[in-house]
Amino acid sequence: MANVTPNRRRPPADPELEKKIEQFGHEAATVPEQRQASLAPELPASKATVGFNFKMTPEDHQRLKELCAREERSIQYMLNKIVWPAVERLQKEAGRT
């Protein structure tokens, strides 16, 4: 690289620092070594889920949290146990009319 004019957008630094910068530049341009493939099998991608905001009053939220604490379950678990049976019931009712 002796024939290349260096980019001097910055003022010249200490010669030792210049040497370190030059060395770093050469190392950064090298291609990383190829690593052996992982021995662990690839796991299938999980199915995508959809989020939904469920709005409630602070009082209702507190009631839900108390229910979850009493049952030692998460809010997600409890909502699944409450919502999906209700949805199925409403679908059956809609099918009868």
PDB file of N, CA and C in Angstrom:
ATOM      1  N   MET A   1       0.806  -1.200   0.000  1.00  0.00           N
ATOM      2  CA  MET A   1       0.000   0.000   0.000  1.00  0.00           C
ATOM      3  C   MET A   1       0.845   1.259   0.000  1.00  0.00           C
ATOM      4  N   ALA A   2       2.099   1.140  -0.234  1.00  0.00           N
ATOM      5  CA  ALA A   2       2.997   2.293  -0.175  1.00  0.00           C
ATOM      6  C   ALA A   2       2.685   3.308  -1.262  1.00  0.00           C
ATOM      7  N   ASN A   3       2.126   2.883  -2.393  1.00  0.00           N
ATOM      8  CA  ASN A   3       1.850   3.784  -3.503  1.00  0.00           C
ATOM      9  C   ASN A   3       0.498   4.492  -3.384  1.00  0.00           C
ATOM     10  N   VAL A   4      -0.315   4.129  -2.397  1.00  0.00           N
ATOM     11  CA  VAL A   4      -1.647   4.704  -2.246  1.00  0.00           C
ATOM     12  C   VAL A   4      -1.574   5.908  -1.318  1.00  0.00           C
ATOM     13  N   THR A   5      -2.211   6.999  -1.742  1.00  0.00           N
ATOM     14  CA  THR A   5      -2.265   8.185  -0.891  1.00  0.00           C
ATOM     15  C   THR A   5      -3.348   7.972   0.162  1.00  0.00           C
ATOM     16  N   PRO A   6      -3.018   8.083   1.442  1.00  0.00           N
ATOM     17  CA  PRO A   6      -4.011   7.845   2.478  1.00  0.00           C
ATOM     18  C   PRO A   6      -5.082   8.927   2.486  1.00  0.00           C
ATOM     19  N   ASN A   7      -6.248   8.573   2.956  1.00  0.00           N
ATOM     20  CA  ASN A   7      -7.345   9.516   3.099  1.00  0.00           C
ATOM     21  C   ASN A   7      -7.036  10.395   4.304  1.00  0.00           C
ATOM     22  N   ARG A   8      -6.921  11.665   4.100  1.00  0.00           N
ATOM     23  CA  ARG A   8      -6.543  12.566   5.185  1.00  0.00           C
ATOM     24  C   ARG A   8      -7.684  13.515   5.548  1.00  0.00           C
ATOM     25  N   ARG A   9      -8.838  12.948   5.768  1.00  0.00           N
ATOM     26  CA  ARG A   9      -9.951  13.765   6.264  1.00  0.00           C
ATOM     27  C   ARG A   9      -9.735  14.087   7.742  1.00  0.00           C
ATOM     28  N   ARG A  10      -8.876  13.356   8.362  1.00  0.00           N
ATOM     29  CA  ARG A  10      -8.531  13.614   9.755  1.00  0.00           C
ATOM     30  C   ARG A  10      -7.050  13.976   9.807  1.00  0.00           C
ATOM     31  N   PRO A  11      -6.662  14.695  10.825  1.00  0.00           N
ATOM     32  CA  PRO A  11      -5.241  15.044  10.918  1.00  0.00           C
ATOM     33  C   PRO A  11      -4.412  13.802  11.214  1.00  0.00           C
ATOM     34  N   PRO A  12      -3.137  13.795  10.818  1.00  0.00           N
ATOM     35  CA  PRO A  12      -2.278  12.650  11.104  1.00  0.00           C
ATOM     36  C   PRO A  12      -2.192  12.425  12.613  1.00  0.00           C
ATOM     37  N   ALA A  13      -2.203  11.169  12.995  1.00  0.00           N
ATOM     38  CA  ALA A  13      -2.110  10.811  14.411  1.00  0.00           C
ATOM     39  C   ALA A  13      -0.700  10.350  14.723  1.00  0.00           C
ATOM     40  N   ASP A  14      -0.521   9.943  15.938  1.00  0.00           N
ATOM     41  CA  ASP A  14       0.744   9.387  16.395  1.00  0.00           C
ATOM     42  C   ASP A  14       1.124   8.227  15.470  1.00  0.00           C
ATOM     43  N   PRO A  15       2.386   8.105  15.070  1.00  0.00           N
ATOM     44  CA  PRO A  15       2.779   7.019  14.158  1.00  0.00           C
ATOM     45  C   PRO A  15       2.399   5.629  14.673  1.00  0.00           C
ATOM     46  N   GLU A  16       2.489   5.416  15.974  1.00  0.00           N
ATOM     47  CA  GLU A  16       2.115   4.110  16.535  1.00  0.00           C
ATOM     48  C   GLU A  16       0.609   3.866  16.358  1.00  0.00           C
ATOM     49  N   LEU A  17      -0.189   4.916  16.574  1.00  0.00           N
ATOM     50  CA  LEU A  17      -1.634   4.805  16.379  1.00  0.00           C
ATOM     51  C   LEU A  17      -1.955   4.573  14.905  1.00  0.00           C
ATOM     52  N   GLU A  18      -1.257   5.251  14.015  1.00  0.00           N
ATOM     53  CA  GLU A  18      -1.445   5.042  12.581  1.00  0.00           C
ATOM     54  C   GLU A  18      -1.171   3.580  12.214  1.00  0.00           C
ATOM     55  N   LYS A  19      -0.136   3.015  12.806  1.00  0.00           N
ATOM     56  CA  LYS A  19       0.207   1.621  12.537  1.00  0.00           C
ATOM     57  C   LYS A  19      -0.920   0.698  13.006  1.00  0.00           C
ATOM     58  N   LYS A  20      -1.472   0.965  14.194  1.00  0.00           N
ATOM     59  CA  LYS A  20      -2.576   0.156  14.715  1.00  0.00           C
ATOM     60  C   LYS A  20      -3.827   0.285  13.834  1.00  0.00           C
ATOM     61  N   ILE A  21      -4.090   1.498  13.366  1.00  0.00           N
ATOM     62  CA  ILE A  21      -5.248   1.724  12.494  1.00  0.00           C
ATOM     63  C   ILE A  21      -5.084   0.955  11.190  1.00  0.00           C
ATOM     64  N   GLU A  22      -3.896   1.017  10.623  1.00  0.00           N
ATOM     65  CA  GLU A  22      -3.618   0.306   9.369  1.00  0.00           C
ATOM     66  C   GLU A  22      -3.768  -1.198   9.567  1.00  0.00           C
ATOM     67  N   GLN A  23      -3.236  -1.723  10.677  1.00  0.00           N
ATOM     68  CA  GLN A  23      -3.334  -3.151  10.969  1.00  0.00           C
ATOM     69  C   GLN A  23      -4.802  -3.556  11.140  1.00  0.00           C
ATOM     70  N   PHE A  24      -5.557  -2.748  11.837  1.00  0.00           N
ATOM     71  CA  PHE A  24      -6.974  -3.040  12.039  1.00  0.00           C
ATOM     72  C   PHE A  24      -7.708  -3.072  10.696  1.00  0.00           C
ATOM     73  N   GLY A  25      -7.381  -2.132   9.830  1.00  0.00           N
ATOM     74  CA  GLY A  25      -8.012  -2.084   8.516  1.00  0.00           C
ATOM     75  C   GLY A  25      -7.760  -3.347   7.709  1.00  0.00           C
ATOM     76  N   HIS A  26      -6.571  -3.895   7.809  1.00  0.00           N
ATOM     77  CA  HIS A  26      -6.252  -5.129   7.087  1.00  0.00           C
ATOM     78  C   HIS A  26      -6.985  -6.321   7.687  1.00  0.00           C
ATOM     79  N   GLU A  27      -7.076  -6.374   9.009  1.00  0.00           N
ATOM     80  CA  GLU A  27      -7.755  -7.484   9.663  1.00  0.00           C
ATOM     81  C   GLU A  27      -9.253  -7.456   9.386  1.00  0.00           C
ATOM     82  N   ALA A  28      -9.818  -6.264   9.339  1.00  0.00           N
ATOM     83  CA  ALA A  28     -11.251  -6.145   9.126  1.00  0.00           C
ATOM     84  C   ALA A  28     -11.644  -6.570   7.715  1.00  0.00           C
ATOM     85  N   ALA A  29     -10.719  -6.512   6.765  1.00  0.00           N
ATOM     86  CA  ALA A  29     -11.022  -6.848   5.389  1.00  0.00           C
ATOM     87  C   ALA A  29     -10.898  -8.342   5.112  1.00  0.00           C
ATOM     88  N   THR A  30     -10.421  -9.107   6.085  1.00  0.00           N
ATOM     89  CA  THR A  30     -10.257 -10.526   5.847  1.00  0.00           C
ATOM     90  C   THR A  30     -11.592 -11.248   5.947  1.00  0.00           C
ATOM     91  N   VAL A  31     -11.711 -12.329   5.230  1.00  0.00           N
ATOM     92  CA  VAL A  31     -12.925 -13.142   5.243  1.00  0.00           C
ATOM     93  C   VAL A  31     -12.901 -14.027   6.474  1.00  0.00           C
ATOM     94  N   PRO A  32     -14.004 -14.084   7.240  1.00  0.00           N
ATOM     95  CA  PRO A  32     -14.004 -14.950   8.413  1.00  0.00           C
ATOM     96  C   PRO A  32     -13.874 -16.412   8.017  1.00  0.00           C
ATOM     97  N   GLU A  33     -13.302 -17.198   8.901  1.00  0.00           N
ATOM     98  CA  GLU A  33     -13.136 -18.617   8.636  1.00  0.00           C
ATOM     99  C   GLU A  33     -14.498 -19.301   8.573  1.00  0.00           C
ATOM    100  N   GLN A  34     -14.591 -20.280   7.696  1.00  0.00           N
ATOM    101  CA  GLN A  34     -15.817 -21.059   7.617  1.00  0.00           C
ATOM    102  C   GLN A  34     -15.875 -21.989   8.813  1.00  0.00           C
ATOM    103  N   ARG A  35     -16.996 -21.973   9.511  1.00  0.00           N
ATOM    104  CA  ARG A  35     -17.151 -22.840  10.668  1.00  0.00           C
ATOM    105  C   ARG A  35     -17.898 -24.100  10.269  1.00  0.00           C
ATOM    106  N   GLN A  36     -17.610 -25.146  11.002  1.00  0.00           N
ATOM    107  CA  GLN A  36     -18.296 -26.407  10.751  1.00  0.00           C
ATOM    108  C   GLN A  36     -19.771 -26.228  11.089  1.00  0.00           C
ATOM    109  N   ALA A  37     -20.618 -26.858  10.298  1.00  0.00           N
ATOM    110  CA  ALA A  37     -22.050 -26.752  10.534  1.00  0.00           C
ATOM    111  C   ALA A  37     -22.391 -27.261  11.921  1.00  0.00           C
ATOM    112  N   SER A  38     -23.420 -26.684  12.484  1.00  0.00           N
ATOM    113  CA  SER A  38     -23.857 -27.072  13.823  1.00  0.00           C
ATOM    114  C   SER A  38     -24.302 -28.530  13.822  1.00  0.00           C
ATOM    115  N   LEU A  39     -23.998 -29.237  14.893  1.00  0.00           N
ATOM    116  CA  LEU A  39     -24.401 -30.624  15.005  1.00  0.00           C
ATOM    117  C   LEU A  39     -25.862 -30.755  15.419  1.00  0.00           C
ATOM    118  N   ALA A  40     -26.425 -29.681  15.963  1.00  0.00           N
ATOM    119  CA  ALA A  40     -27.830 -29.717  16.385  1.00  0.00           C
ATOM    120  C   ALA A  40     -28.730 -29.646  15.151  1.00  0.00           C
ATOM    121  N   PRO A  41     -29.777 -30.451  15.112  1.00  0.00           N
ATOM    122  CA  PRO A  41     -30.678 -30.391  13.959  1.00  0.00           C
ATOM    123  C   PRO A  41     -31.459 -29.084  13.948  1.00  0.00           C
ATOM    124  N   GLU A  42     -31.794 -28.652  12.759  1.00  0.00           N
ATOM    125  CA  GLU A  42     -32.570 -27.427  12.625  1.00  0.00           C
ATOM    126  C   GLU A  42     -33.982 -27.676  13.123  1.00  0.00           C
ATOM    127  N   LEU A  43     -34.479 -26.765  13.943  1.00  0.00           N
ATOM    128  CA  LEU A  43     -35.834 -26.890  14.442  1.00  0.00           C
ATOM    129  C   LEU A  43     -36.782 -26.237  13.440  1.00  0.00           C
ATOM    130  N   PRO A  44     -37.965 -26.823  13.261  1.00  0.00           N
ATOM    131  CA  PRO A  44     -38.906 -26.191  12.342  1.00  0.00           C
ATOM    132  C   PRO A  44     -39.348 -24.838  12.892  1.00  0.00           C
ATOM    133  N   ALA A  45     -39.630 -23.937  11.999  1.00  0.00           N
ATOM    134  CA  ALA A  45     -40.066 -22.609  12.411  1.00  0.00           C
ATOM    135  C   ALA A  45     -41.409 -22.717  13.124  1.00  0.00           C
ATOM    136  N   SER A  46     -41.554 -21.932  14.167  1.00  0.00           N
ATOM    137  CA  SER A  46     -42.819 -21.971  14.904  1.00  0.00           C
ATOM    138  C   SER A  46     -43.901 -21.244  14.111  1.00  0.00           C
ATOM    139  N   LYS A  47     -45.139 -21.613  14.386  1.00  0.00           N
ATOM    140  CA  LYS A  47     -46.244 -20.965  13.698  1.00  0.00           C
ATOM    141  C   LYS A  47     -46.373 -19.539  14.207  1.00  0.00           C
ATOM    142  N   ALA A  48     -46.704 -18.656  13.318  1.00  0.00           N
ATOM    143  CA  ALA A  48     -46.865 -17.257  13.691  1.00  0.00           C
ATOM    144  C   ALA A  48     -48.112 -17.096  14.547  1.00  0.00           C
ATOM    145  N   THR A  49     -48.045 -16.172  15.470  1.00  0.00           N
ATOM    146  CA  THR A  49     -49.200 -15.864  16.296  1.00  0.00           C
ATOM    147  C   THR A  49     -49.595 -14.418  16.051  1.00  0.00           C
ATOM    148  N   VAL A  50     -50.804 -14.104  16.422  1.00  0.00           N
ATOM    149  CA  VAL A  50     -51.322 -12.757  16.235  1.00  0.00           C
ATOM    150  C   VAL A  50     -51.637 -12.185  17.603  1.00  0.00           C
ATOM    151  N   GLY A  51     -51.201 -10.970  17.859  1.00  0.00           N
ATOM    152  CA  GLY A  51     -51.485 -10.314  19.126  1.00  0.00           C
ATOM    153  C   GLY A  51     -52.777  -9.522  19.041  1.00  0.00           C
ATOM    154  N   PHE A  52     -53.381  -9.308  20.191  1.00  0.00           N
ATOM    155  CA  PHE A  52     -54.617  -8.546  20.258  1.00  0.00           C
ATOM    156  C   PHE A  52     -54.653  -7.814  21.581  1.00  0.00           C
ATOM    157  N   ASN A  53     -54.928  -6.530  21.553  1.00  0.00           N
ATOM    158  CA  ASN A  53     -55.056  -5.763  22.790  1.00  0.00           C
ATOM    159  C   ASN A  53     -56.470  -5.902  23.317  1.00  0.00           C
ATOM    160  N   PHE A  54     -56.580  -6.300  24.561  1.00  0.00           N
ATOM    161  CA  PHE A  54     -57.875  -6.459  25.212  1.00  0.00           C
ATOM    162  C   PHE A  54     -57.998  -5.344  26.235  1.00  0.00           C
ATOM    163  N   LYS A  55     -58.862  -4.378  25.941  1.00  0.00           N
ATOM    164  CA  LYS A  55     -58.996  -3.234  26.827  1.00  0.00           C
ATOM    165  C   LYS A  55     -59.933  -3.568  27.970  1.00  0.00           C
ATOM    166  N   MET A  56     -59.573  -3.111  29.168  1.00  0.00           N
ATOM    167  CA  MET A  56     -60.403  -3.331  30.346  1.00  0.00           C
ATOM    168  C   MET A  56     -60.145  -2.210  31.337  1.00  0.00           C
ATOM    169  N   THR A  57     -61.060  -2.070  32.266  1.00  0.00           N
ATOM    170  CA  THR A  57     -60.891  -1.055  33.301  1.00  0.00           C
ATOM    171  C   THR A  57     -59.821  -1.525  34.281  1.00  0.00           C
ATOM    172  N   PRO A  58     -59.249  -0.606  35.033  1.00  0.00           N
ATOM    173  CA  PRO A  58     -58.276  -1.017  36.049  1.00  0.00           C
ATOM    174  C   PRO A  58     -58.879  -2.001  37.059  1.00  0.00           C
ATOM    175  N   GLU A  59     -60.155  -1.829  37.364  1.00  0.00           N
ATOM    176  CA  GLU A  59     -60.809  -2.746  38.305  1.00  0.00           C
ATOM    177  C   GLU A  59     -60.907  -4.152  37.719  1.00  0.00           C
ATOM    178  N   ASP A  60     -61.292  -4.247  36.441  1.00  0.00           N
ATOM    179  CA  ASP A  60     -61.377  -5.556  35.789  1.00  0.00           C
ATOM    180  C   ASP A  60     -59.990  -6.202  35.676  1.00  0.00           C
ATOM    181  N   HIS A  61     -58.999  -5.374  35.400  1.00  0.00           N
ATOM    182  CA  HIS A  61     -57.639  -5.889  35.314  1.00  0.00           C
ATOM    183  C   HIS A  61     -57.204  -6.448  36.657  1.00  0.00           C
ATOM    184  N   GLN A  62     -57.531  -5.740  37.728  1.00  0.00           N
ATOM    185  CA  GLN A  62     -57.174  -6.218  39.065  1.00  0.00           C
ATOM    186  C   GLN A  62     -57.887  -7.529  39.369  1.00  0.00           C
ATOM    187  N   ARG A  63     -59.165  -7.637  39.000  1.00  0.00           N
ATOM    188  CA  ARG A  63     -59.901  -8.881  39.220  1.00  0.00           C
ATOM    189  C   ARG A  63     -59.250 -10.041  38.470  1.00  0.00           C
ATOM    190  N   LEU A  64     -58.844  -9.782  37.223  1.00  0.00           N
ATOM    191  CA  LEU A  64     -58.195 -10.821  36.418  1.00  0.00           C
ATOM    192  C   LEU A  64     -56.861 -11.226  37.042  1.00  0.00           C
ATOM    193  N   LYS A  65     -56.086 -10.258  37.497  1.00  0.00           N
ATOM    194  CA  LYS A  65     -54.803 -10.568  38.133  1.00  0.00           C
ATOM    195  C   LYS A  65     -55.008 -11.381  39.410  1.00  0.00           C
ATOM    196  N   GLU A  66     -56.037 -11.055  40.173  1.00  0.00           N
ATOM    197  CA  GLU A  66     -56.319 -11.818  41.391  1.00  0.00           C
ATOM    198  C   GLU A  66     -56.714 -13.249  41.058  1.00  0.00           C
ATOM    199  N   LEU A  67     -57.519 -13.420  40.006  1.00  0.00           N
ATOM    200  CA  LEU A  67     -57.894 -14.759  39.565  1.00  0.00           C
ATOM    201  C   LEU A  67     -56.658 -15.555  39.168  1.00  0.00           C
ATOM    202  N   CYS A  68     -55.781 -14.922  38.415  1.00  0.00           N
ATOM    203  CA  CYS A  68     -54.553 -15.590  37.971  1.00  0.00           C
ATOM    204  C   CYS A  68     -53.671 -15.963  39.160  1.00  0.00           C
ATOM    205  N   ALA A  69     -53.577 -15.085  40.140  1.00  0.00           N
ATOM    206  CA  ALA A  69     -52.759 -15.368  41.315  1.00  0.00           C
ATOM    207  C   ALA A  69     -53.359 -16.534  42.099  1.00  0.00           C
ATOM    208  N   ARG A  70     -54.670 -16.543  42.243  1.00  0.00           N
ATOM    209  CA  ARG A  70     -55.331 -17.613  42.985  1.00  0.00           C
ATOM    210  C   ARG A  70     -55.142 -18.958  42.295  1.00  0.00           C
ATOM    211  N   GLU A  71     -55.233 -18.965  40.966  1.00  0.00           N
ATOM    212  CA  GLU A  71     -55.099 -20.205  40.185  1.00  0.00           C
ATOM    213  C   GLU A  71     -53.637 -20.538  39.856  1.00  0.00           C
ATOM    214  N   GLU A  72     -52.736 -19.598  40.175  1.00  0.00           N
ATOM    215  CA  GLU A  72     -51.307 -19.739  39.851  1.00  0.00           C
ATOM    216  C   GLU A  72     -51.108 -19.987  38.354  1.00  0.00           C
ATOM    217  N   ARG A  73     -51.764 -19.178  37.561  1.00  0.00           N
ATOM    218  CA  ARG A  73     -51.677 -19.257  36.089  1.00  0.00           C
ATOM    219  C   ARG A  73     -51.420 -17.865  35.533  1.00  0.00           C
ATOM    220  N   SER A  74     -50.977 -17.815  34.275  1.00  0.00           N
ATOM    221  CA  SER A  74     -50.723 -16.532  33.623  1.00  0.00           C
ATOM    222  C   SER A  74     -52.025 -15.941  33.106  1.00  0.00           C
ATOM    223  N   ILE A  75     -51.977 -14.648  32.823  1.00  0.00           N
ATOM    224  CA  ILE A  75     -53.146 -13.983  32.242  1.00  0.00           C
ATOM    225  C   ILE A  75     -53.470 -14.602  30.885  1.00  0.00           C
ATOM    226  N   GLN A  76     -52.454 -14.898  30.093  1.00  0.00           N
ATOM    227  CA  GLN A  76     -52.681 -15.517  28.778  1.00  0.00           C
ATOM    228  C   GLN A  76     -53.414 -16.841  28.925  1.00  0.00           C
ATOM    229  N   TYR A  77     -52.992 -17.667  29.859  1.00  0.00           N
ATOM    230  CA  TYR A  77     -53.629 -18.959  30.073  1.00  0.00           C
ATOM    231  C   TYR A  77     -55.099 -18.770  30.464  1.00  0.00           C
ATOM    232  N   MET A  78     -55.334 -17.866  31.399  1.00  0.00           N
ATOM    233  CA  MET A  78     -56.708 -17.661  31.876  1.00  0.00           C
ATOM    234  C   MET A  78     -57.599 -17.112  30.768  1.00  0.00           C
ATOM    235  N   LEU A  79     -57.091 -16.166  29.985  1.00  0.00           N
ATOM    236  CA  LEU A  79     -57.913 -15.636  28.890  1.00  0.00           C
ATOM    237  C   LEU A  79     -58.211 -16.725  27.863  1.00  0.00           C
ATOM    238  N   ASN A  80     -57.243 -17.602  27.584  1.00  0.00           N
ATOM    239  CA  ASN A  80     -57.499 -18.721  26.670  1.00  0.00           C
ATOM    240  C   ASN A  80     -58.607 -19.612  27.212  1.00  0.00           C
ATOM    241  N   LYS A  81     -58.592 -19.867  28.507  1.00  0.00           N
ATOM    242  CA  LYS A  81     -59.613 -20.729  29.120  1.00  0.00           C
ATOM    243  C   LYS A  81     -60.977 -20.062  29.167  1.00  0.00           C
ATOM    244  N   ILE A  82     -61.022 -18.746  29.182  1.00  0.00           N
ATOM    245  CA  ILE A  82     -62.290 -18.018  29.238  1.00  0.00           C
ATOM    246  C   ILE A  82     -62.825 -17.713  27.842  1.00  0.00           C
ATOM    247  N   VAL A  83     -61.971 -17.191  26.977  1.00  0.00           N
ATOM    248  CA  VAL A  83     -62.421 -16.670  25.679  1.00  0.00           C
ATOM    249  C   VAL A  83     -62.813 -17.779  24.711  1.00  0.00           C
ATOM    250  N   TRP A  84     -61.963 -18.796  24.524  1.00  0.00           N
ATOM    251  CA  TRP A  84     -62.232 -19.780  23.466  1.00  0.00           C
ATOM    252  C   TRP A  84     -63.477 -20.620  23.722  1.00  0.00           C
ATOM    253  N   PRO A  85     -63.762 -21.038  24.949  1.00  0.00           N
ATOM    254  CA  PRO A  85     -65.041 -21.719  25.165  1.00  0.00           C
ATOM    255  C   PRO A  85     -66.239 -20.807  24.864  1.00  0.00           C
ATOM    256  N   ALA A  86     -66.110 -19.529  25.207  1.00  0.00           N
ATOM    257  CA  ALA A  86     -67.198 -18.585  24.922  1.00  0.00           C
ATOM    258  C   ALA A  86     -67.364 -18.392  23.412  1.00  0.00           C
ATOM    259  N   VAL A  87     -66.269 -18.313  22.674  1.00  0.00           N
ATOM    260  CA  VAL A  87     -66.342 -18.168  21.213  1.00  0.00           C
ATOM    261  C   VAL A  87     -67.013 -19.395  20.602  1.00  0.00           C
ATOM    262  N   GLU A  88     -66.614 -20.593  21.042  1.00  0.00           N
ATOM    263  CA  GLU A  88     -67.224 -21.821  20.519  1.00  0.00           C
ATOM    264  C   GLU A  88     -68.722 -21.874  20.822  1.00  0.00           C
ATOM    265  N   ARG A  89     -69.099 -21.473  22.033  1.00  0.00           N
ATOM    266  CA  ARG A  89     -70.515 -21.464  22.412  1.00  0.00           C
ATOM    267  C   ARG A  89     -71.297 -20.492  21.521  1.00  0.00           C
ATOM    268  N   LEU A  90     -70.759 -19.309  21.294  1.00  0.00           N
ATOM    269  CA  LEU A  90     -71.437 -18.324  20.453  1.00  0.00           C
ATOM    270  C   LEU A  90     -71.523 -18.794  19.004  1.00  0.00           C
ATOM    271  N   GLN A  91     -70.490 -19.502  18.520  1.00  0.00           N
ATOM    272  CA  GLN A  91     -70.549 -20.035  17.154  1.00  0.00           C
ATOM    273  C   GLN A  91     -71.649 -21.087  17.038  1.00  0.00           C
ATOM    274  N   LYS A  92     -71.774 -21.924  18.049  1.00  0.00           N
ATOM    275  CA  LYS A  92     -72.835 -22.952  18.024  1.00  0.00           C
ATOM    276  C   LYS A  92     -74.197 -22.300  18.065  1.00  0.00           C
ATOM    277  N   GLU A  93     -74.342 -21.276  18.909  1.00  0.00           N
ATOM    278  CA  GLU A  93     -75.613 -20.565  18.994  1.00  0.00           C
ATOM    279  C   GLU A  93     -75.946 -19.879  17.674  1.00  0.00           C
ATOM    280  N   ALA A  94     -74.972 -19.337  17.012  1.00  0.00           N
ATOM    281  CA  ALA A  94     -75.199 -18.653  15.731  1.00  0.00           C
ATOM    282  C   ALA A  94     -75.592 -19.660  14.670  1.00  0.00           C
ATOM    283  N   GLY A  95     -75.106 -20.880  14.758  1.00  0.00           N
ATOM    284  CA  GLY A  95     -75.433 -21.918  13.796  1.00  0.00           C
ATOM    285  C   GLY A  95     -76.855 -22.419  13.948  1.00  0.00           C
ATOM    286  N   ARG A  96     -77.438 -22.292  15.139  1.00  0.00           N
ATOM    287  CA  ARG A  96     -78.813 -22.762  15.388  1.00  0.00           C
ATOM    288  C   ARG A  96     -79.848 -21.815  14.857  1.00  0.00           C
ATOM    289  N   THR A  97     -79.530 -20.530  14.805  1.00  0.00           N
ATOM    290  CA  THR A  97     -80.547 -19.556  14.408  1.00  0.00           C
ATOM    291  C   THR A  97     -80.617 -19.359  12.928  1.00  0.00           C
TER     292      THR A  97
END
